[in-house]
């Protein structure tokens, strides 16, 4: 089994290979610019188009892409081992359960209050 602390090539001044596995600042700035661009696109779409039938799913899709970029690059899921990725996926699973339970309560609330 591989040593989990060794990610890349090691040198005497970097014994665990941390610098070799670090993302370049240019890549992180490009991802950050992409996230800001998506946020501005989200704001611009909401101002230009206004509330329509498909606006909420479109804005949620843009927000999901932004959250995915943040998790993949800034939370280092790209470099994570299988346990880290499994933890991230299980958190999404439990978040989905919470949303389903919340929406079930919200969608049936009028049945209880109305009677």
N, C-alpha and C. Protein backbone atom coordinates (compact mmCIF):
# COMPACT_ATOMS: atom_id res chain seq x y z
N UNK A 1 0.84 -1.17 0.00
CA UNK A 1 0.00 0.00 0.00
C UNK A 1 0.89 1.23 0.00
N UNK A 2 0.49 2.25 -0.76
CA UNK A 2 1.31 3.45 -0.89
C UNK A 2 1.20 4.30 0.37
N UNK A 3 2.23 5.07 0.60
CA UNK A 3 2.25 5.97 1.74
C UNK A 3 1.31 7.13 1.45
N UNK A 4 0.27 7.38 2.27
CA UNK A 4 -0.70 8.42 1.97
C UNK A 4 -0.14 9.83 2.10
N UNK A 5 0.99 10.01 2.77
CA UNK A 5 1.54 11.35 2.92
C UNK A 5 2.41 11.74 1.74
N UNK A 6 2.79 10.81 0.90
CA UNK A 6 3.65 11.12 -0.23
C UNK A 6 2.79 11.28 -1.48
N UNK A 7 2.76 12.49 -2.04
CA UNK A 7 1.94 12.77 -3.20
C UNK A 7 2.75 12.88 -4.47
N UNK A 8 3.91 13.41 -4.40
CA UNK A 8 4.71 13.62 -5.59
C UNK A 8 6.15 13.30 -5.31
N UNK A 9 7.02 13.88 -6.10
CA UNK A 9 8.45 13.64 -5.89
C UNK A 9 8.90 14.37 -4.63
N UNK A 10 9.82 13.76 -3.91
CA UNK A 10 10.29 14.36 -2.67
C UNK A 10 11.72 14.84 -2.85
N UNK A 11 12.02 15.92 -2.18
CA UNK A 11 13.37 16.47 -2.15
C UNK A 11 13.74 16.68 -0.69
N UNK A 12 14.97 17.13 -0.48
CA UNK A 12 15.41 17.33 0.91
C UNK A 12 14.68 18.48 1.58
N UNK A 13 14.31 19.52 0.82
CA UNK A 13 13.60 20.64 1.43
C UNK A 13 12.08 20.43 1.42
N UNK A 14 11.59 19.38 0.76
CA UNK A 14 10.17 19.05 0.70
C UNK A 14 10.01 17.54 0.87
N UNK A 15 10.20 17.02 2.11
CA UNK A 15 10.25 15.57 2.29
C UNK A 15 8.94 14.84 2.02
N UNK A 16 7.81 15.51 2.09
CA UNK A 16 6.53 14.84 1.89
C UNK A 16 5.93 15.11 0.50
N UNK A 17 6.63 15.86 -0.34
CA UNK A 17 6.14 16.12 -1.68
C UNK A 17 4.96 17.06 -1.74
N UNK A 18 4.83 17.94 -0.76
CA UNK A 18 3.68 18.84 -0.72
C UNK A 18 3.76 19.88 -1.83
N UNK A 19 4.93 20.43 -2.07
CA UNK A 19 5.07 21.44 -3.12
C UNK A 19 4.85 20.85 -4.51
N UNK A 20 5.21 19.60 -4.69
CA UNK A 20 5.05 18.98 -6.00
C UNK A 20 3.59 18.75 -6.34
N UNK A 21 2.74 18.55 -5.34
CA UNK A 21 1.33 18.29 -5.60
C UNK A 21 0.46 19.53 -5.48
N UNK A 22 1.05 20.67 -5.14
CA UNK A 22 0.28 21.90 -4.99
C UNK A 22 -0.14 22.43 -6.36
N UNK A 23 -1.30 23.02 -6.40
CA UNK A 23 -1.78 23.61 -7.64
C UNK A 23 -1.02 24.89 -7.93
N UNK A 24 -0.88 25.19 -9.19
CA UNK A 24 -0.18 26.41 -9.57
C UNK A 24 -1.08 27.62 -9.30
N UNK A 25 -0.49 28.74 -8.96
CA UNK A 25 -1.31 29.94 -8.71
C UNK A 25 -2.10 30.37 -9.94
N UNK A 26 -1.54 30.16 -11.12
CA UNK A 26 -2.27 30.53 -12.33
C UNK A 26 -3.54 29.73 -12.51
N UNK A 27 -3.48 28.43 -12.21
CA UNK A 27 -4.66 27.59 -12.31
C UNK A 27 -5.71 28.01 -11.30
N UNK A 28 -5.29 28.29 -10.08
CA UNK A 28 -6.25 28.70 -9.05
C UNK A 28 -6.87 30.05 -9.38
N UNK A 29 -6.09 30.96 -9.94
CA UNK A 29 -6.66 32.25 -10.35
C UNK A 29 -7.64 32.08 -11.50
N UNK A 30 -7.35 31.18 -12.42
CA UNK A 30 -8.27 30.92 -13.53
C UNK A 30 -9.58 30.33 -13.02
N UNK A 31 -9.50 29.41 -12.08
CA UNK A 31 -10.72 28.82 -11.50
C UNK A 31 -11.50 29.87 -10.74
N UNK A 32 -10.80 30.71 -9.98
CA UNK A 32 -11.45 31.79 -9.25
C UNK A 32 -12.14 32.75 -10.22
N UNK A 33 -11.47 33.09 -11.32
CA UNK A 33 -12.07 33.98 -12.32
C UNK A 33 -13.30 33.33 -12.95
N UNK A 34 -13.25 32.03 -13.15
CA UNK A 34 -14.40 31.31 -13.70
C UNK A 34 -15.58 31.34 -12.72
N UNK A 35 -15.30 31.18 -11.45
CA UNK A 35 -16.36 31.22 -10.45
C UNK A 35 -16.98 32.61 -10.38
N UNK A 36 -16.15 33.65 -10.41
CA UNK A 36 -16.66 35.02 -10.40
C UNK A 36 -17.45 35.29 -11.67
N UNK A 37 -16.95 34.80 -12.82
CA UNK A 37 -17.67 34.98 -14.08
C UNK A 37 -19.04 34.31 -14.06
N UNK A 38 -19.10 33.12 -13.49
CA UNK A 38 -20.39 32.44 -13.38
C UNK A 38 -21.35 33.19 -12.45
N UNK A 39 -20.81 33.77 -11.39
CA UNK A 39 -21.65 34.56 -10.48
C UNK A 39 -22.19 35.80 -11.19
N UNK A 40 -21.32 36.47 -11.96
CA UNK A 40 -21.77 37.64 -12.71
C UNK A 40 -22.78 37.25 -13.79
N UNK A 41 -22.56 36.10 -14.43
CA UNK A 41 -23.52 35.62 -15.42
C UNK A 41 -24.87 35.32 -14.77
N UNK A 42 -24.83 34.77 -13.59
CA UNK A 42 -26.06 34.47 -12.85
C UNK A 42 -26.82 35.75 -12.53
N UNK A 43 -26.10 36.75 -12.08
CA UNK A 43 -26.72 38.05 -11.77
C UNK A 43 -27.24 38.70 -13.04
N UNK A 44 -26.43 38.68 -14.10
CA UNK A 44 -26.85 39.29 -15.36
C UNK A 44 -28.07 38.62 -15.96
N UNK A 45 -28.13 37.32 -15.91
CA UNK A 45 -29.30 36.61 -16.43
C UNK A 45 -30.55 36.97 -15.63
N UNK A 46 -30.42 37.04 -14.33
CA UNK A 46 -31.59 37.36 -13.51
C UNK A 46 -32.06 38.80 -13.74
N UNK A 47 -31.14 39.70 -14.04
CA UNK A 47 -31.54 41.09 -14.30
C UNK A 47 -32.15 41.23 -15.69
N UNK A 48 -31.52 40.63 -16.69
CA UNK A 48 -31.97 40.78 -18.07
C UNK A 48 -33.25 40.02 -18.37
N UNK A 49 -33.35 38.79 -17.92
CA UNK A 49 -34.50 37.95 -18.28
C UNK A 49 -35.65 38.15 -17.30
N UNK A 50 -35.34 38.26 -16.03
CA UNK A 50 -36.39 38.38 -15.03
C UNK A 50 -36.91 37.02 -14.62
N UNK A 51 -37.93 37.02 -13.78
CA UNK A 51 -38.46 35.73 -13.30
C UNK A 51 -39.26 35.03 -14.40
N UNK A 52 -38.79 33.87 -14.78
CA UNK A 52 -39.50 33.03 -15.74
C UNK A 52 -39.61 31.62 -15.16
N UNK A 53 -40.20 30.75 -15.95
CA UNK A 53 -40.43 29.38 -15.49
C UNK A 53 -39.12 28.62 -15.29
N UNK A 54 -38.13 28.86 -16.13
CA UNK A 54 -36.89 28.09 -16.10
C UNK A 54 -35.73 28.84 -15.43
N UNK A 55 -36.00 29.97 -14.81
CA UNK A 55 -34.92 30.76 -14.23
C UNK A 55 -34.33 30.07 -12.99
N UNK A 56 -35.16 29.54 -12.13
CA UNK A 56 -34.65 28.89 -10.92
C UNK A 56 -33.80 27.67 -11.24
N UNK A 57 -34.24 26.76 -12.12
CA UNK A 57 -33.36 25.63 -12.44
C UNK A 57 -32.05 26.07 -13.10
N UNK A 58 -32.09 27.10 -13.93
CA UNK A 58 -30.86 27.60 -14.56
C UNK A 58 -29.90 28.17 -13.52
N UNK A 59 -30.42 28.96 -12.60
CA UNK A 59 -29.57 29.54 -11.58
C UNK A 59 -29.05 28.48 -10.61
N UNK A 60 -29.84 27.47 -10.32
CA UNK A 60 -29.37 26.38 -9.47
C UNK A 60 -28.29 25.56 -10.18
N UNK A 61 -28.42 25.41 -11.49
CA UNK A 61 -27.39 24.68 -12.25
C UNK A 61 -26.08 25.46 -12.24
N UNK A 62 -26.15 26.77 -12.42
CA UNK A 62 -24.94 27.60 -12.38
C UNK A 62 -24.31 27.54 -10.98
N UNK A 63 -25.13 27.60 -9.95
CA UNK A 63 -24.62 27.50 -8.58
C UNK A 63 -24.00 26.14 -8.29
N UNK A 64 -24.57 25.09 -8.88
CA UNK A 64 -24.00 23.75 -8.69
C UNK A 64 -22.64 23.63 -9.36
N UNK A 65 -22.49 24.23 -10.54
CA UNK A 65 -21.19 24.23 -11.21
C UNK A 65 -20.17 25.00 -10.37
N UNK A 66 -20.59 26.12 -9.80
CA UNK A 66 -19.68 26.90 -8.94
C UNK A 66 -19.27 26.08 -7.72
N UNK A 67 -20.22 25.42 -7.08
CA UNK A 67 -19.90 24.62 -5.90
C UNK A 67 -19.00 23.45 -6.27
N UNK A 68 -19.22 22.87 -7.43
CA UNK A 68 -18.36 21.79 -7.89
C UNK A 68 -16.94 22.25 -8.13
N UNK A 69 -16.77 23.42 -8.73
CA UNK A 69 -15.43 23.96 -8.95
C UNK A 69 -14.73 24.24 -7.63
N UNK A 70 -15.46 24.81 -6.68
CA UNK A 70 -14.86 25.09 -5.37
C UNK A 70 -14.43 23.79 -4.69
N UNK A 71 -15.28 22.78 -4.73
CA UNK A 71 -14.94 21.51 -4.08
C UNK A 71 -13.78 20.83 -4.79
N UNK A 72 -13.79 20.84 -6.11
CA UNK A 72 -12.79 20.09 -6.87
C UNK A 72 -11.40 20.72 -6.77
N UNK A 73 -11.34 22.03 -6.84
CA UNK A 73 -10.03 22.69 -6.84
C UNK A 73 -9.62 23.21 -5.46
N UNK A 74 -10.49 23.96 -4.80
CA UNK A 74 -10.09 24.61 -3.56
C UNK A 74 -10.17 23.68 -2.35
N UNK A 75 -11.01 22.66 -2.41
CA UNK A 75 -11.07 21.69 -1.32
C UNK A 75 -10.23 20.45 -1.64
N UNK A 76 -9.52 20.49 -2.76
CA UNK A 76 -8.54 19.47 -3.17
C UNK A 76 -9.14 18.08 -3.32
N UNK A 77 -10.37 18.01 -3.81
CA UNK A 77 -10.94 16.69 -4.09
C UNK A 77 -10.24 16.03 -5.28
N UNK A 78 -9.64 16.84 -6.12
CA UNK A 78 -8.90 16.31 -7.26
C UNK A 78 -7.71 15.48 -6.80
N UNK A 79 -7.09 15.89 -5.71
CA UNK A 79 -5.91 15.20 -5.20
C UNK A 79 -6.23 14.27 -4.03
N UNK A 80 -7.50 14.21 -3.64
CA UNK A 80 -7.87 13.42 -2.48
C UNK A 80 -7.89 11.93 -2.77
N UNK A 81 -7.73 11.17 -1.73
CA UNK A 81 -7.81 9.73 -1.89
C UNK A 81 -9.28 9.29 -1.86
N UNK A 82 -9.53 8.03 -1.89
CA UNK A 82 -10.89 7.53 -2.02
C UNK A 82 -11.75 7.84 -0.79
N UNK A 83 -11.16 7.92 0.36
CA UNK A 83 -11.93 8.22 1.58
C UNK A 83 -12.44 9.66 1.54
N UNK A 84 -11.61 10.58 1.08
CA UNK A 84 -12.02 11.98 0.99
C UNK A 84 -13.15 12.14 -0.02
N UNK A 85 -13.04 11.48 -1.16
CA UNK A 85 -14.08 11.56 -2.17
C UNK A 85 -15.36 10.90 -1.67
N UNK A 86 -15.25 9.78 -0.98
CA UNK A 86 -16.42 9.11 -0.42
C UNK A 86 -17.10 9.99 0.62
N UNK A 87 -16.33 10.70 1.41
CA UNK A 87 -16.90 11.61 2.41
C UNK A 87 -17.66 12.74 1.73
N UNK A 88 -17.09 13.30 0.67
CA UNK A 88 -17.78 14.37 -0.06
C UNK A 88 -19.06 13.87 -0.70
N UNK A 89 -19.03 12.70 -1.29
CA UNK A 89 -20.23 12.15 -1.92
C UNK A 89 -21.29 11.79 -0.88
N UNK A 90 -20.87 11.29 0.28
CA UNK A 90 -21.86 10.97 1.31
C UNK A 90 -22.49 12.24 1.88
N UNK A 91 -21.75 13.32 1.94
CA UNK A 91 -22.35 14.58 2.39
C UNK A 91 -23.39 15.06 1.39
N UNK A 92 -23.14 14.89 0.08
CA UNK A 92 -24.15 15.23 -0.91
C UNK A 92 -25.38 14.34 -0.79
N UNK A 93 -25.17 13.07 -0.50
CA UNK A 93 -26.28 12.14 -0.32
C UNK A 93 -27.16 12.57 0.86
N UNK A 94 -26.55 12.89 1.99
CA UNK A 94 -27.34 13.31 3.16
C UNK A 94 -27.99 14.66 2.94
N UNK A 95 -27.33 15.54 2.20
CA UNK A 95 -27.95 16.83 1.87
C UNK A 95 -29.19 16.59 1.00
N UNK A 96 -29.10 15.63 0.08
CA UNK A 96 -30.26 15.29 -0.75
C UNK A 96 -31.41 14.76 0.08
N UNK A 97 -31.10 13.92 1.07
CA UNK A 97 -32.14 13.42 1.96
C UNK A 97 -32.80 14.57 2.70
N UNK A 98 -32.01 15.51 3.20
CA UNK A 98 -32.58 16.65 3.92
C UNK A 98 -33.46 17.50 3.02
N UNK A 99 -33.04 17.72 1.77
CA UNK A 99 -33.86 18.49 0.83
C UNK A 99 -35.16 17.78 0.51
N UNK A 100 -35.12 16.46 0.33
CA UNK A 100 -36.34 15.71 0.04
C UNK A 100 -37.30 15.79 1.23
N UNK A 101 -36.80 15.64 2.43
CA UNK A 101 -37.67 15.74 3.60
C UNK A 101 -38.23 17.15 3.76
N UNK A 102 -37.41 18.16 3.52
CA UNK A 102 -37.89 19.54 3.63
C UNK A 102 -38.96 19.81 2.57
N UNK A 103 -38.72 19.38 1.33
CA UNK A 103 -39.69 19.64 0.28
C UNK A 103 -40.98 18.85 0.51
N UNK A 104 -40.87 17.65 1.08
CA UNK A 104 -42.08 16.89 1.42
C UNK A 104 -42.92 17.63 2.45
N UNK A 105 -42.27 18.21 3.43
CA UNK A 105 -42.98 19.00 4.44
C UNK A 105 -43.57 20.25 3.83
N UNK A 106 -42.78 20.94 3.02
CA UNK A 106 -43.22 22.22 2.44
C UNK A 106 -44.38 22.01 1.46
N UNK A 107 -44.31 20.96 0.65
CA UNK A 107 -45.34 20.74 -0.36
C UNK A 107 -46.66 20.25 0.24
N UNK A 108 -46.62 19.64 1.42
CA UNK A 108 -47.84 19.14 2.04
C UNK A 108 -48.29 20.02 3.21
N UNK A 109 -47.65 21.13 3.41
CA UNK A 109 -48.01 22.00 4.54
C UNK A 109 -49.43 22.52 4.43
N UNK A 110 -49.88 22.84 3.21
CA UNK A 110 -51.23 23.38 3.02
C UNK A 110 -52.32 22.35 3.36
N UNK A 111 -52.00 21.08 3.30
CA UNK A 111 -52.99 20.06 3.64
C UNK A 111 -53.30 20.06 5.13
N UNK A 112 -52.30 20.37 5.97
CA UNK A 112 -52.48 20.37 7.40
C UNK A 112 -53.08 21.69 7.86
N UNK A 113 -52.61 22.81 7.32
CA UNK A 113 -53.06 24.12 7.75
C UNK A 113 -54.47 24.38 7.25
N UNK A 114 -54.80 23.91 6.06
CA UNK A 114 -56.10 24.18 5.46
C UNK A 114 -57.26 23.45 6.14
N UNK A 115 -56.98 22.39 6.88
CA UNK A 115 -58.09 21.62 7.45
C UNK A 115 -58.51 22.09 8.80
